[in-house]
N, C-alpha and C. Protein backbone atom coordinates (compact mmCIF):
# COMPACT_ATOMS: atom_id res chain seq x y z
N MET A 1 7.05 2.99 -10.58
CA MET A 1 7.82 2.24 -11.56
C MET A 1 7.04 1.02 -12.04
N ARG A 2 6.29 0.42 -11.15
CA ARG A 2 5.52 -0.76 -11.52
C ARG A 2 4.51 -0.43 -12.62
N ALA A 3 4.00 0.77 -12.61
CA ALA A 3 3.03 1.19 -13.62
C ALA A 3 3.73 1.71 -14.88
N GLY A 4 5.06 1.79 -14.87
CA GLY A 4 5.79 2.24 -16.04
C GLY A 4 6.24 3.69 -15.97
N TYR A 5 5.99 4.37 -14.86
CA TYR A 5 6.41 5.76 -14.71
C TYR A 5 7.88 5.83 -14.38
N LEU A 6 8.60 6.66 -15.11
CA LEU A 6 10.01 6.89 -14.83
C LEU A 6 10.25 8.39 -14.70
N GLU A 7 10.96 8.82 -13.67
CA GLU A 7 11.19 10.25 -13.46
C GLU A 7 11.92 10.90 -14.63
N LEU A 8 12.76 10.16 -15.34
CA LEU A 8 13.47 10.75 -16.46
C LEU A 8 12.53 11.11 -17.61
N ASP A 9 11.32 10.56 -17.62
CA ASP A 9 10.29 10.89 -18.61
C ASP A 9 9.30 11.93 -18.09
N GLU A 10 9.67 12.64 -17.04
CA GLU A 10 8.76 13.57 -16.37
C GLU A 10 8.08 14.54 -17.33
N THR A 11 8.81 15.04 -18.31
CA THR A 11 8.22 16.02 -19.24
C THR A 11 7.10 15.42 -20.08
N LEU A 12 7.11 14.11 -20.28
CA LEU A 12 6.04 13.46 -21.04
C LEU A 12 4.71 13.50 -20.29
N TYR A 13 4.77 13.71 -18.98
CA TYR A 13 3.57 13.66 -18.15
C TYR A 13 3.02 15.04 -17.81
N ASP A 14 3.63 16.11 -18.33
CA ASP A 14 3.13 17.46 -18.07
C ASP A 14 1.66 17.54 -18.46
N GLY A 15 0.85 18.03 -17.57
CA GLY A 15 -0.58 18.16 -17.84
C GLY A 15 -1.38 16.91 -17.58
N THR A 16 -0.73 15.80 -17.27
CA THR A 16 -1.44 14.56 -16.98
C THR A 16 -2.09 14.65 -15.61
N ARG A 17 -3.35 14.29 -15.53
CA ARG A 17 -4.06 14.29 -14.26
C ARG A 17 -4.55 12.89 -13.99
N LEU A 18 -4.59 12.54 -12.73
CA LEU A 18 -5.03 11.21 -12.34
C LEU A 18 -6.25 11.31 -11.44
N LEU A 19 -7.08 10.30 -11.49
CA LEU A 19 -8.26 10.22 -10.66
C LEU A 19 -8.18 8.93 -9.85
N LEU A 20 -8.30 9.06 -8.54
CA LEU A 20 -8.28 7.89 -7.67
C LEU A 20 -9.56 7.12 -7.88
N HIS A 21 -9.44 5.90 -8.33
CA HIS A 21 -10.60 5.07 -8.61
C HIS A 21 -11.03 4.27 -7.38
N GLU A 22 -10.04 3.79 -6.64
CA GLU A 22 -10.35 2.95 -5.49
C GLU A 22 -9.21 3.02 -4.48
N MET A 23 -9.57 2.99 -3.21
CA MET A 23 -8.57 2.91 -2.15
C MET A 23 -8.93 1.71 -1.31
N CYS A 24 -7.93 0.93 -0.98
CA CYS A 24 -8.21 -0.22 -0.12
C CYS A 24 -7.14 -0.30 0.97
N GLY A 25 -7.49 -0.99 2.02
CA GLY A 25 -6.58 -1.18 3.13
C GLY A 25 -6.58 -2.64 3.52
N PHE A 26 -5.57 -3.02 4.26
CA PHE A 26 -5.40 -4.41 4.65
C PHE A 26 -5.12 -4.51 6.14
N ASP A 27 -5.65 -5.53 6.75
CA ASP A 27 -5.43 -5.81 8.16
C ASP A 27 -4.15 -6.63 8.28
N VAL A 28 -3.06 -5.95 8.63
CA VAL A 28 -1.75 -6.62 8.70
C VAL A 28 -1.63 -7.30 10.06
N THR A 29 -2.11 -8.54 10.10
CA THR A 29 -2.14 -9.34 11.32
C THR A 29 -1.40 -10.64 11.06
N ASP A 30 -1.48 -11.56 12.01
CA ASP A 30 -0.83 -12.86 11.84
C ASP A 30 -1.23 -13.49 10.50
N GLY A 31 -0.25 -13.99 9.80
CA GLY A 31 -0.51 -14.62 8.52
C GLY A 31 -0.30 -13.71 7.33
N PHE A 32 -0.31 -12.39 7.55
CA PHE A 32 -0.07 -11.46 6.45
C PHE A 32 1.41 -11.55 6.08
N PRO A 33 1.73 -11.68 4.80
CA PRO A 33 3.15 -11.82 4.41
C PRO A 33 3.91 -10.50 4.63
N ARG A 34 4.84 -10.53 5.57
CA ARG A 34 5.59 -9.31 5.90
C ARG A 34 6.92 -9.65 6.54
N LEU A 35 7.80 -8.69 6.49
CA LEU A 35 9.08 -8.78 7.19
C LEU A 35 8.99 -7.90 8.42
N THR A 36 9.44 -8.40 9.54
CA THR A 36 9.44 -7.63 10.78
C THR A 36 10.81 -7.73 11.44
N THR A 37 11.04 -6.88 12.42
CA THR A 37 12.34 -6.91 13.11
C THR A 37 12.59 -8.25 13.77
N SER A 38 11.53 -8.97 14.14
CA SER A 38 11.72 -10.27 14.77
C SER A 38 11.97 -11.39 13.76
N THR A 39 11.71 -11.14 12.47
CA THR A 39 11.92 -12.19 11.47
C THR A 39 13.10 -11.94 10.55
N VAL A 40 13.74 -10.77 10.68
CA VAL A 40 14.90 -10.43 9.85
C VAL A 40 16.13 -10.38 10.75
N PRO A 41 17.17 -11.11 10.42
CA PRO A 41 18.38 -11.09 11.24
C PRO A 41 18.97 -9.68 11.37
N ALA A 42 19.57 -9.39 12.51
CA ALA A 42 20.10 -8.06 12.83
C ALA A 42 21.11 -7.55 11.80
N GLY A 43 21.85 -8.40 11.14
CA GLY A 43 22.87 -7.96 10.19
C GLY A 43 22.31 -7.42 8.89
N ILE A 44 21.05 -7.66 8.59
CA ILE A 44 20.46 -7.16 7.36
C ILE A 44 19.98 -5.73 7.61
N VAL A 45 20.53 -4.78 6.85
CA VAL A 45 20.21 -3.37 7.08
C VAL A 45 19.41 -2.74 5.93
N ASP A 46 19.23 -3.46 4.83
CA ASP A 46 18.46 -2.92 3.71
C ASP A 46 17.93 -4.07 2.88
N GLY A 47 16.80 -3.87 2.26
CA GLY A 47 16.22 -4.90 1.41
C GLY A 47 14.88 -4.45 0.88
N ASN A 48 14.30 -5.26 0.01
CA ASN A 48 12.96 -4.99 -0.48
C ASN A 48 12.32 -6.29 -0.89
N TYR A 49 11.02 -6.29 -0.99
CA TYR A 49 10.30 -7.48 -1.40
C TYR A 49 8.98 -7.07 -2.02
N SER A 50 8.38 -7.94 -2.76
CA SER A 50 7.08 -7.71 -3.37
C SER A 50 6.11 -8.76 -2.85
N ILE A 51 4.86 -8.35 -2.71
CA ILE A 51 3.83 -9.27 -2.22
C ILE A 51 2.90 -9.61 -3.37
N ASP A 52 2.60 -10.87 -3.54
CA ASP A 52 1.61 -11.31 -4.52
C ASP A 52 0.25 -10.85 -4.02
N GLU A 53 -0.38 -9.94 -4.74
CA GLU A 53 -1.65 -9.35 -4.29
C GLU A 53 -2.73 -10.41 -4.04
N ARG A 54 -2.66 -11.50 -4.75
CA ARG A 54 -3.67 -12.56 -4.54
C ARG A 54 -3.55 -13.18 -3.16
N SER A 55 -2.35 -13.14 -2.57
CA SER A 55 -2.14 -13.78 -1.27
C SER A 55 -2.68 -12.95 -0.11
N ILE A 56 -3.03 -11.69 -0.35
CA ILE A 56 -3.50 -10.85 0.75
C ILE A 56 -4.98 -10.47 0.63
N PHE A 57 -5.66 -11.03 -0.35
CA PHE A 57 -7.07 -10.71 -0.55
C PHE A 57 -7.90 -10.93 0.71
N GLY A 58 -7.62 -11.98 1.45
CA GLY A 58 -8.37 -12.29 2.66
C GLY A 58 -8.15 -11.30 3.79
N PHE A 59 -7.16 -10.42 3.67
CA PHE A 59 -6.86 -9.43 4.70
C PHE A 59 -7.45 -8.06 4.37
N ARG A 60 -8.11 -7.95 3.23
CA ARG A 60 -8.64 -6.67 2.77
C ARG A 60 -9.76 -6.19 3.69
N LEU A 61 -9.71 -4.90 4.04
CA LEU A 61 -10.73 -4.30 4.89
C LEU A 61 -11.95 -3.93 4.06
N ASP A 62 -13.14 -4.13 4.63
CA ASP A 62 -14.33 -3.66 3.93
C ASP A 62 -14.39 -2.13 4.05
N ALA A 63 -15.27 -1.50 3.28
CA ALA A 63 -15.33 -0.04 3.21
C ALA A 63 -15.58 0.60 4.57
N THR A 64 -16.45 0.00 5.38
CA THR A 64 -16.77 0.56 6.70
C THR A 64 -15.54 0.54 7.61
N LYS A 65 -14.86 -0.58 7.66
CA LYS A 65 -13.66 -0.70 8.50
C LYS A 65 -12.56 0.24 8.01
N LEU A 66 -12.40 0.36 6.70
CA LEU A 66 -11.38 1.25 6.15
C LEU A 66 -11.66 2.69 6.56
N ARG A 67 -12.92 3.13 6.47
CA ARG A 67 -13.27 4.49 6.88
C ARG A 67 -12.98 4.70 8.37
N THR A 68 -13.28 3.70 9.18
CA THR A 68 -13.02 3.79 10.62
C THR A 68 -11.53 3.96 10.88
N VAL A 69 -10.72 3.17 10.22
CA VAL A 69 -9.26 3.26 10.39
C VAL A 69 -8.76 4.62 9.93
N MET A 70 -9.24 5.08 8.78
CA MET A 70 -8.79 6.38 8.26
C MET A 70 -9.19 7.52 9.19
N ARG A 71 -10.40 7.47 9.74
CA ARG A 71 -10.84 8.51 10.68
C ARG A 71 -9.96 8.51 11.93
N SER A 72 -9.56 7.32 12.38
CA SER A 72 -8.69 7.24 13.58
C SER A 72 -7.33 7.87 13.33
N MET A 73 -6.97 8.00 12.06
CA MET A 73 -5.70 8.66 11.68
C MET A 73 -5.94 10.09 11.21
N ASN A 74 -7.15 10.60 11.46
CA ASN A 74 -7.53 11.96 11.05
C ASN A 74 -7.41 12.19 9.55
N VAL A 75 -7.77 11.17 8.76
CA VAL A 75 -7.77 11.30 7.30
C VAL A 75 -9.20 11.56 6.86
N ASP A 76 -9.40 12.60 6.04
CA ASP A 76 -10.74 12.92 5.53
C ASP A 76 -11.18 11.84 4.57
N THR A 77 -12.35 11.25 4.80
CA THR A 77 -12.84 10.16 3.96
C THR A 77 -13.81 10.64 2.90
N ASP A 78 -14.13 11.93 2.85
CA ASP A 78 -15.02 12.48 1.81
C ASP A 78 -16.24 11.64 1.54
N GLU A 79 -17.03 11.40 2.53
CA GLU A 79 -18.24 10.58 2.33
C GLU A 79 -19.17 11.33 1.47
């Protein structure tokens, strides 16, 4: 939806193909903006939030670390 895709317009996208240009990962450690069970009161059962991408730049994994993490999850990295 953020990119403007709506399921009700699905027929407009017939034949559209996409190419992955870049994949990145982030080290979700102390200081990374996130909600956790310890920071959200028990009575809240649903919600959503958006993260300002500029605020997480310092947590971005370099290509070597990202490949290592992906391999640990048995994801093909297509080197």
